[in-house]
Amino acid sequence: NEVKSMGRYEVEFGNNRLASGVYFYRLQAGNYIQTKKMMMIK
């Protein structure tokens, strides 16, 4: 969790510590909040 300046960012989840499954992530910018899900398949 950190504040970023305006721009485009990428985050990689190629981490072996995460198990296969469904994960939820949240994007927040000012009053805009969106929660989505992603599937991690090993």
Protein backbone atom coordinates (compact mmCIF):
# COMPACT_ATOMS: atom_id res chain seq x y z
CA ASN A 1 0.00 0.00 0.00
CA GLU A 2 1.51 3.27 -1.11
CA VAL A 3 0.57 6.48 -2.87
CA LYS A 4 1.83 6.73 -6.46
CA SER A 5 1.94 9.69 -8.79
CA MET A 6 -0.23 9.58 -11.90
CA GLY A 7 1.00 7.14 -14.52
CA ARG A 8 0.98 3.55 -15.68
CA TYR A 9 2.27 0.78 -13.45
CA GLU A 10 2.76 -2.99 -13.69
CA VAL A 11 3.02 -5.52 -10.89
CA GLU A 12 4.33 -9.04 -11.48
CA PHE A 13 2.98 -11.98 -9.49
CA GLY A 14 5.51 -14.60 -10.59
CA ASN A 15 6.12 -15.45 -6.98
CA ASN A 16 6.40 -19.12 -5.91
CA ARG A 17 5.06 -18.28 -2.44
CA LEU A 18 1.54 -17.77 -3.80
CA ALA A 19 -0.59 -20.88 -4.14
CA SER A 20 -2.82 -21.52 -7.15
CA GLY A 21 -6.27 -20.07 -6.57
CA VAL A 22 -8.45 -16.99 -6.91
CA TYR A 23 -7.12 -13.69 -5.56
CA PHE A 24 -8.87 -10.34 -5.25
CA TYR A 25 -7.19 -6.99 -5.83
CA ARG A 26 -8.41 -3.43 -5.37
CA LEU A 27 -7.54 -0.30 -7.34
CA GLN A 28 -8.25 3.05 -5.73
CA ALA A 29 -7.76 6.54 -7.18
CA GLY A 30 -9.44 9.35 -5.26
CA ASN A 31 -13.13 8.45 -4.97
CA TYR A 32 -12.82 5.68 -7.58
CA ILE A 33 -12.49 2.18 -6.11
CA GLN A 34 -12.67 -1.04 -8.12
CA THR A 35 -12.22 -4.60 -6.85
CA LYS A 36 -11.47 -7.38 -9.32
CA LYS A 37 -10.43 -11.00 -9.11
CA MET A 38 -7.60 -12.84 -10.81
CA MET A 39 -6.80 -16.52 -11.06
CA MET A 40 -3.29 -17.77 -10.27
CA ILE A 41 -2.52 -21.05 -12.06
CA LYS A 42 0.81 -22.79 -11.58
